[in-house]
Amino acid sequence: MTTTLKSKLHDDLNSAIKARDELRSSTLRLTLAAITKEEVAGKEKRELSDDEVLKVIAKEAKKRREAAEAFAQGGRAESAEREKAEGVILDEYLPRQLSDEELAGIVAAAVEEAKAAGAEGPRAMGAVMKIVNPKVAGLAEGGRVAAAVKQRLQG
């Protein structure tokens, strides 16, 4: 049985090839290759769940953002634009990211929860992250979450 998200990626790849959409087809090809690589990693081949496929897509999207930034800093605007465009295509498959306000609300509640458990100040970072991470998994990037928690603990 194939995962619905993986089969959707395959279907979209076929549509992109038929439509001669080079950017979309190459992006989806690379993403499917990353998924396959993840499936054969480890001791035995396995089928990834939709959640695992989402994690691979998120990792690929993050790589595109970082590459676009690096190209932009290196003065290679054309390459940066392509990486950004690939990131936009991958974002279509990811769940909507939390807004700064939504993230701040979740972090604030987690800080209060950690305080109630006796963890306070900057040393409470680990305790707060343990509370926040399961709530925002896949909805906010780790670095963004850590920065919000750090800011809340200092403020």
N, C-alpha and C. Protein backbone atom coordinates (compact mmCIF):
# COMPACT_ATOMS: atom_id res chain seq x y z
N MET A 1 0.84 -1.19 0.00
CA MET A 1 0.00 0.00 0.00
C MET A 1 0.89 1.26 0.00
N THR A 2 0.64 2.17 -0.90
CA THR A 2 1.44 3.39 -0.94
C THR A 2 0.75 4.47 -0.13
N THR A 3 1.57 5.40 0.36
CA THR A 3 0.99 6.50 1.13
C THR A 3 0.29 7.45 0.18
N THR A 4 -0.75 8.07 0.66
CA THR A 4 -1.52 8.95 -0.21
C THR A 4 -0.69 10.15 -0.65
N LEU A 5 0.13 10.70 0.25
CA LEU A 5 0.93 11.87 -0.11
C LEU A 5 1.98 11.51 -1.15
N LYS A 6 2.62 10.37 -0.99
CA LYS A 6 3.64 9.95 -1.96
C LYS A 6 3.00 9.71 -3.33
N SER A 7 1.83 9.08 -3.35
CA SER A 7 1.17 8.83 -4.63
C SER A 7 0.71 10.14 -5.26
N LYS A 8 0.31 11.11 -4.44
CA LYS A 8 -0.06 12.43 -4.96
C LYS A 8 1.16 13.09 -5.62
N LEU A 9 2.32 12.96 -4.98
CA LEU A 9 3.55 13.50 -5.56
C LEU A 9 3.84 12.85 -6.92
N HIS A 10 3.66 11.52 -7.00
CA HIS A 10 3.87 10.82 -8.27
C HIS A 10 2.89 11.31 -9.33
N ASP A 11 1.62 11.44 -8.95
CA ASP A 11 0.60 11.92 -9.90
C ASP A 11 0.93 13.33 -10.39
N ASP A 12 1.33 14.20 -9.44
CA ASP A 12 1.67 15.58 -9.81
C ASP A 12 2.90 15.62 -10.70
N LEU A 13 3.85 14.71 -10.45
CA LEU A 13 5.05 14.64 -11.30
C LEU A 13 4.65 14.27 -12.72
N ASN A 14 3.78 13.26 -12.86
CA ASN A 14 3.34 12.86 -14.20
C ASN A 14 2.62 14.01 -14.91
N SER A 15 1.78 14.73 -14.19
CA SER A 15 1.07 15.88 -14.78
C SER A 15 2.06 16.95 -15.21
N ALA A 16 3.07 17.21 -14.38
CA ALA A 16 4.07 18.24 -14.69
C ALA A 16 4.87 17.85 -15.93
N ILE A 17 5.19 16.57 -16.06
CA ILE A 17 5.95 16.10 -17.24
C ILE A 17 5.10 16.28 -18.49
N LYS A 18 3.83 15.89 -18.40
CA LYS A 18 2.93 16.03 -19.55
C LYS A 18 2.76 17.50 -19.94
N ALA A 19 2.73 18.38 -18.94
CA ALA A 19 2.55 19.81 -19.19
C ALA A 19 3.88 20.49 -19.56
N ARG A 20 4.95 19.70 -19.59
CA ARG A 20 6.29 20.22 -19.88
C ARG A 20 6.71 21.34 -18.91
N ASP A 21 6.29 21.18 -17.64
CA ASP A 21 6.65 22.14 -16.59
C ASP A 21 7.97 21.66 -15.98
N GLU A 22 9.07 22.16 -16.52
CA GLU A 22 10.41 21.68 -16.13
C GLU A 22 10.71 21.92 -14.66
N LEU A 23 10.38 23.12 -14.17
CA LEU A 23 10.67 23.46 -12.78
C LEU A 23 9.95 22.52 -11.81
N ARG A 24 8.63 22.37 -12.02
CA ARG A 24 7.83 21.52 -11.13
C ARG A 24 8.28 20.06 -11.23
N SER A 25 8.49 19.57 -12.44
CA SER A 25 8.87 18.16 -12.57
C SER A 25 10.24 17.88 -11.96
N SER A 26 11.21 18.77 -12.13
CA SER A 26 12.53 18.52 -11.53
C SER A 26 12.46 18.61 -10.01
N THR A 27 11.67 19.55 -9.49
CA THR A 27 11.51 19.69 -8.03
C THR A 27 10.88 18.43 -7.45
N LEU A 28 9.81 17.94 -8.08
CA LEU A 28 9.13 16.75 -7.57
C LEU A 28 10.00 15.51 -7.71
N ARG A 29 10.78 15.44 -8.80
CA ARG A 29 11.70 14.31 -8.99
C ARG A 29 12.72 14.25 -7.85
N LEU A 30 13.32 15.42 -7.54
CA LEU A 30 14.31 15.48 -6.45
C LEU A 30 13.68 15.11 -5.11
N THR A 31 12.46 15.57 -4.88
CA THR A 31 11.78 15.28 -3.63
C THR A 31 11.46 13.79 -3.51
N LEU A 32 10.97 13.20 -4.60
CA LEU A 32 10.68 11.76 -4.58
C LEU A 32 11.96 10.94 -4.39
N ALA A 33 13.07 11.43 -4.95
CA ALA A 33 14.36 10.76 -4.75
C ALA A 33 14.76 10.81 -3.28
N ALA A 34 14.52 11.95 -2.63
CA ALA A 34 14.84 12.10 -1.21
C ALA A 34 13.97 11.16 -0.37
N ILE A 35 12.70 11.00 -0.77
CA ILE A 35 11.79 10.10 -0.05
C ILE A 35 12.27 8.66 -0.21
N THR A 36 12.63 8.27 -1.44
CA THR A 36 13.12 6.92 -1.69
C THR A 36 14.41 6.66 -0.91
N LYS A 37 15.28 7.65 -0.87
CA LYS A 37 16.54 7.52 -0.12
C LYS A 37 16.25 7.26 1.36
N GLU A 38 15.26 7.97 1.88
CA GLU A 38 14.86 7.79 3.29
C GLU A 38 14.27 6.40 3.50
N GLU A 39 13.53 5.89 2.51
CA GLU A 39 12.90 4.58 2.63
C GLU A 39 13.92 3.44 2.66
N VAL A 40 15.03 3.61 1.93
CA VAL A 40 16.03 2.54 1.89
C VAL A 40 17.15 2.75 2.90
N ALA A 41 17.11 3.86 3.64
CA ALA A 41 18.11 4.09 4.68
C ALA A 41 17.84 3.12 5.83
N GLY A 42 18.89 2.73 6.52
CA GLY A 42 18.71 1.80 7.62
C GLY A 42 18.91 0.37 7.17
N LYS A 43 18.50 -0.56 7.98
CA LYS A 43 18.78 -1.97 7.72
C LYS A 43 17.86 -2.59 6.68
N GLU A 44 16.60 -2.14 6.62
CA GLU A 44 15.69 -2.72 5.63
C GLU A 44 14.79 -1.66 5.01
N LYS A 45 14.39 -1.93 3.76
CA LYS A 45 13.54 -0.99 3.03
C LYS A 45 12.16 -0.96 3.67
N ARG A 46 11.57 0.22 3.74
CA ARG A 46 10.23 0.34 4.32
C ARG A 46 9.48 1.43 3.59
N GLU A 47 8.17 1.43 3.77
CA GLU A 47 7.31 2.46 3.19
C GLU A 47 7.13 3.57 4.22
N LEU A 48 7.36 4.82 3.83
CA LEU A 48 7.21 5.93 4.77
C LEU A 48 5.73 6.27 4.96
N SER A 49 5.37 6.67 6.17
CA SER A 49 4.01 7.13 6.44
C SER A 49 3.87 8.55 5.89
N ASP A 50 2.64 9.05 5.81
CA ASP A 50 2.43 10.42 5.34
C ASP A 50 3.19 11.42 6.21
N ASP A 51 3.21 11.20 7.54
CA ASP A 51 3.93 12.11 8.44
C ASP A 51 5.42 12.12 8.13
N GLU A 52 5.98 10.94 7.86
CA GLU A 52 7.41 10.85 7.53
C GLU A 52 7.70 11.52 6.19
N VAL A 53 6.78 11.33 5.23
CA VAL A 53 6.94 11.97 3.92
C VAL A 53 6.90 13.49 4.09
N LEU A 54 6.00 13.99 4.95
CA LEU A 54 5.92 15.43 5.23
C LEU A 54 7.23 15.95 5.79
N LYS A 55 7.85 15.17 6.69
CA LYS A 55 9.13 15.58 7.27
C LYS A 55 10.20 15.69 6.20
N VAL A 56 10.21 14.75 5.24
CA VAL A 56 11.19 14.79 4.15
C VAL A 56 10.94 16.03 3.29
N ILE A 57 9.67 16.30 2.98
CA ILE A 57 9.33 17.48 2.16
C ILE A 57 9.74 18.75 2.89
N ALA A 58 9.48 18.82 4.20
CA ALA A 58 9.86 19.99 4.99
C ALA A 58 11.37 20.19 4.97
N LYS A 59 12.11 19.09 5.08
CA LYS A 59 13.57 19.16 5.06
C LYS A 59 14.05 19.67 3.68
N GLU A 60 13.43 19.17 2.62
CA GLU A 60 13.78 19.61 1.26
C GLU A 60 13.46 21.10 1.07
N ALA A 61 12.31 21.54 1.59
CA ALA A 61 11.91 22.95 1.47
C ALA A 61 12.91 23.83 2.23
N LYS A 62 13.35 23.37 3.40
CA LYS A 62 14.32 24.13 4.19
C LYS A 62 15.64 24.24 3.43
N LYS A 63 16.05 23.15 2.78
CA LYS A 63 17.29 23.18 1.98
C LYS A 63 17.17 24.24 0.88
N ARG A 64 15.98 24.32 0.26
CA ARG A 64 15.78 25.30 -0.82
C ARG A 64 15.89 26.72 -0.30
N ARG A 65 15.29 26.99 0.88
CA ARG A 65 15.37 28.33 1.47
C ARG A 65 16.81 28.71 1.79
N GLU A 66 17.54 27.76 2.37
CA GLU A 66 18.94 28.02 2.73
C GLU A 66 19.79 28.24 1.48
N ALA A 67 19.55 27.45 0.44
CA ALA A 67 20.30 27.59 -0.80
C ALA A 67 19.99 28.93 -1.46
N ALA A 68 18.71 29.32 -1.44
CA ALA A 68 18.32 30.60 -2.04
C ALA A 68 19.03 31.75 -1.33
N GLU A 69 19.10 31.66 0.00
CA GLU A 69 19.80 32.69 0.79
C GLU A 69 21.28 32.74 0.41
N ALA A 70 21.89 31.56 0.31
CA ALA A 70 23.32 31.49 -0.02
C ALA A 70 23.58 32.05 -1.42
N PHE A 71 22.73 31.69 -2.38
CA PHE A 71 22.89 32.20 -3.74
C PHE A 71 22.71 33.72 -3.78
N ALA A 72 21.72 34.21 -3.03
CA ALA A 72 21.47 35.65 -3.01
C ALA A 72 22.68 36.39 -2.43
N GLN A 73 23.25 35.87 -1.35
CA GLN A 73 24.42 36.49 -0.76
C GLN A 73 25.63 36.41 -1.68
N GLY A 74 25.67 35.37 -2.50
CA GLY A 74 26.78 35.19 -3.44
C GLY A 74 26.59 35.95 -4.74
N GLY A 75 25.51 36.71 -4.85
CA GLY A 75 25.27 37.51 -6.04
C GLY A 75 24.76 36.70 -7.23
N ARG A 76 24.21 35.51 -6.97
CA ARG A 76 23.68 34.69 -8.06
C ARG A 76 22.15 34.71 -7.99
N ALA A 77 21.58 35.84 -8.40
CA ALA A 77 20.15 36.09 -8.28
C ALA A 77 19.30 35.05 -9.03
N GLU A 78 19.75 34.64 -10.22
CA GLU A 78 18.98 33.70 -11.02
C GLU A 78 18.84 32.35 -10.29
N SER A 79 19.95 31.86 -9.73
CA SER A 79 19.92 30.60 -8.99
C SER A 79 19.07 30.74 -7.72
N ALA A 80 19.17 31.89 -7.08
CA ALA A 80 18.39 32.14 -5.87
C ALA A 80 16.89 32.10 -6.19
N GLU A 81 16.51 32.71 -7.32
CA GLU A 81 15.10 32.72 -7.73
C GLU A 81 14.59 31.31 -7.99
N ARG A 82 15.41 30.48 -8.63
CA ARG A 82 15.00 29.10 -8.92
C ARG A 82 14.80 28.33 -7.61
N GLU A 83 15.72 28.49 -6.67
CA GLU A 83 15.59 27.80 -5.38
C GLU A 83 14.33 28.25 -4.66
N LYS A 84 14.04 29.56 -4.70
CA LYS A 84 12.82 30.08 -4.07
C LYS A 84 11.59 29.48 -4.73
N ALA A 85 11.59 29.40 -6.07
CA ALA A 85 10.45 28.86 -6.81
C ALA A 85 10.24 27.38 -6.44
N GLU A 86 11.35 26.63 -6.29
CA GLU A 86 11.23 25.23 -5.89
C GLU A 86 10.66 25.13 -4.48
N GLY A 87 11.08 26.04 -3.60
CA GLY A 87 10.56 26.07 -2.23
C GLY A 87 9.07 26.32 -2.20
N VAL A 88 8.59 27.22 -3.08
CA VAL A 88 7.16 27.53 -3.16
C VAL A 88 6.38 26.28 -3.60
N ILE A 89 6.92 25.54 -4.55
CA ILE A 89 6.26 24.31 -5.01
C ILE A 89 6.15 23.32 -3.85
N LEU A 90 7.24 23.15 -3.09
CA LEU A 90 7.23 22.20 -1.98
C LEU A 90 6.30 22.65 -0.86
N ASP A 91 6.19 23.97 -0.66
CA ASP A 91 5.31 24.50 0.39
C ASP A 91 3.85 24.12 0.15
N GLU A 92 3.48 23.90 -1.13
CA GLU A 92 2.10 23.50 -1.45
C GLU A 92 1.73 22.18 -0.78
N TYR A 93 2.73 21.34 -0.51
CA TYR A 93 2.47 20.01 0.07
C TYR A 93 2.55 20.01 1.59
N LEU A 94 3.01 21.10 2.16
CA LEU A 94 3.18 21.19 3.61
C LEU A 94 1.97 21.83 4.27
N PRO A 95 1.71 21.49 5.53
CA PRO A 95 0.61 22.16 6.22
C PRO A 95 0.93 23.64 6.42
N ARG A 96 -0.11 24.46 6.56
CA ARG A 96 0.08 25.89 6.77
C ARG A 96 0.92 26.10 8.03
N GLN A 97 1.91 26.98 7.93
CA GLN A 97 2.78 27.28 9.07
C GLN A 97 2.04 28.20 10.06
N LEU A 98 2.37 28.07 11.33
CA LEU A 98 1.76 28.93 12.35
C LEU A 98 2.22 30.37 12.17
N SER A 99 1.32 31.30 12.43
CA SER A 99 1.71 32.71 12.39
C SER A 99 2.52 33.00 13.65
N ASP A 100 3.20 34.14 13.69
CA ASP A 100 3.99 34.52 14.86
C ASP A 100 3.10 34.62 16.09
N GLU A 101 1.88 35.15 15.92
CA GLU A 101 0.96 35.31 17.05
C GLU A 101 0.53 33.95 17.59
N GLU A 102 0.19 33.01 16.69
CA GLU A 102 -0.22 31.68 17.13
C GLU A 102 0.91 30.98 17.88
N LEU A 103 2.12 31.09 17.33
CA LEU A 103 3.29 30.48 17.96
C LEU A 103 3.54 31.09 19.33
N ALA A 104 3.44 32.41 19.43
CA ALA A 104 3.66 33.10 20.70
C ALA A 104 2.66 32.64 21.75
N GLY A 105 1.42 32.43 21.34
CA GLY A 105 0.39 31.95 22.27
C GLY A 105 0.70 30.57 22.80
N ILE A 106 1.13 29.66 21.93
CA ILE A 106 1.48 28.30 22.34
C ILE A 106 2.68 28.34 23.28
N VAL A 107 3.68 29.15 22.93
CA VAL A 107 4.89 29.27 23.76
C VAL A 107 4.54 29.85 25.13
N ALA A 108 3.70 30.88 25.17
CA ALA A 108 3.31 31.50 26.44
C ALA A 108 2.64 30.47 27.36
N ALA A 109 1.75 29.66 26.80
CA ALA A 109 1.07 28.64 27.60
C ALA A 109 2.07 27.61 28.11
N ALA A 110 3.03 27.24 27.27
CA ALA A 110 4.04 26.25 27.66
C ALA A 110 4.95 26.79 28.76
N VAL A 111 5.29 28.09 28.69
CA VAL A 111 6.13 28.71 29.73
C VAL A 111 5.39 28.68 31.06
N GLU A 112 4.10 29.00 31.04
CA GLU A 112 3.31 28.96 32.27
C GLU A 112 3.25 27.55 32.84
N GLU A 113 3.08 26.57 31.93
CA GLU A 113 3.03 25.17 32.34
C GLU A 113 4.36 24.74 32.98
N ALA A 114 5.47 25.18 32.39
CA ALA A 114 6.80 24.84 32.92
C ALA A 114 7.02 25.51 34.27
N LYS A 115 6.54 26.77 34.41
CA LYS A 115 6.67 27.48 35.69
C LYS A 115 5.91 26.74 36.78
N ALA A 116 4.72 26.25 36.44
CA ALA A 116 3.91 25.51 37.40
C ALA A 116 4.63 24.23 37.84
N ALA A 117 5.45 23.69 36.94
CA ALA A 117 6.21 22.48 37.26
C ALA A 117 7.53 22.82 37.96
N GLY A 118 7.80 24.10 38.14
CA GLY A 118 9.00 24.51 38.88
C GLY A 118 10.18 24.95 38.03
N ALA A 119 10.04 24.97 36.72
CA ALA A 119 11.15 25.39 35.85
C ALA A 119 10.96 26.87 35.49
N GLU A 120 11.99 27.69 35.79
CA GLU A 120 11.90 29.11 35.49
C GLU A 120 13.19 29.65 34.92
N GLY A 121 13.10 30.80 34.25
CA GLY A 121 14.28 31.48 33.73
C GLY A 121 14.87 30.76 32.52
N PRO A 122 16.04 31.22 32.08
CA PRO A 122 16.66 30.66 30.88
C PRO A 122 16.93 29.15 30.97
N ARG A 123 17.11 28.62 32.19
CA ARG A 123 17.38 27.18 32.33
C ARG A 123 16.14 26.34 32.02
N ALA A 124 14.99 26.98 31.91
CA ALA A 124 13.74 26.24 31.64
C ALA A 124 13.56 25.94 30.15
N MET A 125 14.52 26.38 29.34
CA MET A 125 14.42 26.21 27.87
C MET A 125 14.07 24.77 27.48
N GLY A 126 14.80 23.80 28.01
CA GLY A 126 14.56 22.39 27.67
C GLY A 126 13.16 21.94 28.05
N ALA A 127 12.73 22.30 29.25
CA ALA A 127 11.41 21.90 29.72
C ALA A 127 10.31 22.50 28.85
N VAL A 128 10.47 23.77 28.48
CA VAL A 128 9.47 24.45 27.65
C VAL A 128 9.45 23.84 26.25
N MET A 129 10.63 23.57 25.69
CA MET A 129 10.70 22.98 24.35
C MET A 129 10.02 21.60 24.32
N LYS A 130 10.16 20.83 25.40
CA LYS A 130 9.51 19.51 25.47
C LYS A 130 7.99 19.65 25.41
N ILE A 131 7.48 20.72 25.97
CA ILE A 131 6.03 20.96 25.98
C ILE A 131 5.57 21.48 24.61
N VAL A 132 6.36 22.40 24.03
CA VAL A 132 5.98 23.07 22.79
C VAL A 132 6.11 22.16 21.56
N ASN A 133 7.23 21.43 21.44
CA ASN A 133 7.51 20.68 20.22
C ASN A 133 6.38 19.77 19.74
N PRO A 134 5.77 18.94 20.60
CA PRO A 134 4.69 18.09 20.08
C PRO A 134 3.49 18.90 19.56
N LYS A 135 3.27 20.08 20.14
CA LYS A 135 2.11 20.89 19.73
C LYS A 135 2.32 21.58 18.39
N VAL A 136 3.59 21.86 18.04
CA VAL A 136 3.85 22.61 16.81
C VAL A 136 4.54 21.77 15.74
N ALA A 137 4.68 20.47 15.96
CA ALA A 137 5.37 19.59 15.01
C ALA A 137 4.80 19.77 13.60
N GLY A 138 5.67 20.11 12.68
CA GLY A 138 5.27 20.29 11.29
C GLY A 138 4.60 21.62 10.98
N LEU A 139 4.32 22.41 12.01
CA LEU A 139 3.63 23.69 11.81
C LEU A 139 4.54 24.89 11.98
N ALA A 140 5.74 24.66 12.51
CA ALA A 140 6.71 25.74 12.69
C ALA A 140 8.11 25.14 12.70
N GLU A 141 9.06 25.84 12.11
CA GLU A 141 10.44 25.37 12.04
C GLU A 141 11.08 25.41 13.42
N GLY A 142 11.93 24.46 13.70
CA GLY A 142 12.57 24.34 15.01
C GLY A 142 13.29 25.60 15.46
N GLY A 143 14.02 26.23 14.55
CA GLY A 143 14.76 27.45 14.89
C GLY A 143 13.83 28.58 15.31
N ARG A 144 12.71 28.68 14.61
CA ARG A 144 11.72 29.71 14.91
C ARG A 144 11.11 29.47 16.29
N VAL A 145 10.83 28.20 16.58
CA VAL A 145 10.24 27.84 17.88
C VAL A 145 11.24 28.16 18.99
N ALA A 146 12.50 27.75 18.82
CA ALA A 146 13.52 27.99 19.84
C ALA A 146 13.69 29.48 20.10
N ALA A 147 13.69 30.28 19.04
CA ALA A 147 13.84 31.73 19.20
C ALA A 147 12.67 32.31 19.98
N ALA A 148 11.46 31.84 19.69
CA ALA A 148 10.26 32.34 20.40
C ALA A 148 10.31 31.97 21.88
N VAL A 149 10.76 30.74 22.17
CA VAL A 149 10.85 30.29 23.56
C VAL A 149 11.90 31.11 24.30
N LYS A 150 13.06 31.28 23.66
CA LYS A 150 14.16 32.03 24.28
C LYS A 150 13.71 33.47 24.59
N GLN A 151 13.05 34.10 23.63
CA GLN A 151 12.58 35.47 23.81
C GLN A 151 11.57 35.54 24.96
N ARG A 152 10.67 34.57 25.05
CA ARG A 152 9.65 34.56 26.09
C ARG A 152 10.27 34.36 27.48
N LEU A 153 11.28 33.50 27.55
CA LEU A 153 11.93 33.23 28.83
C LEU A 153 12.75 34.43 29.32
N GLN A 154 13.31 35.19 28.40
CA GLN A 154 14.11 36.36 28.78
C GLN A 154 13.21 37.55 29.11
N GLY A 155 12.05 37.59 28.46
CA GLY A 155 11.16 38.74 28.64
C GLY A 155 10.25 38.52 29.76
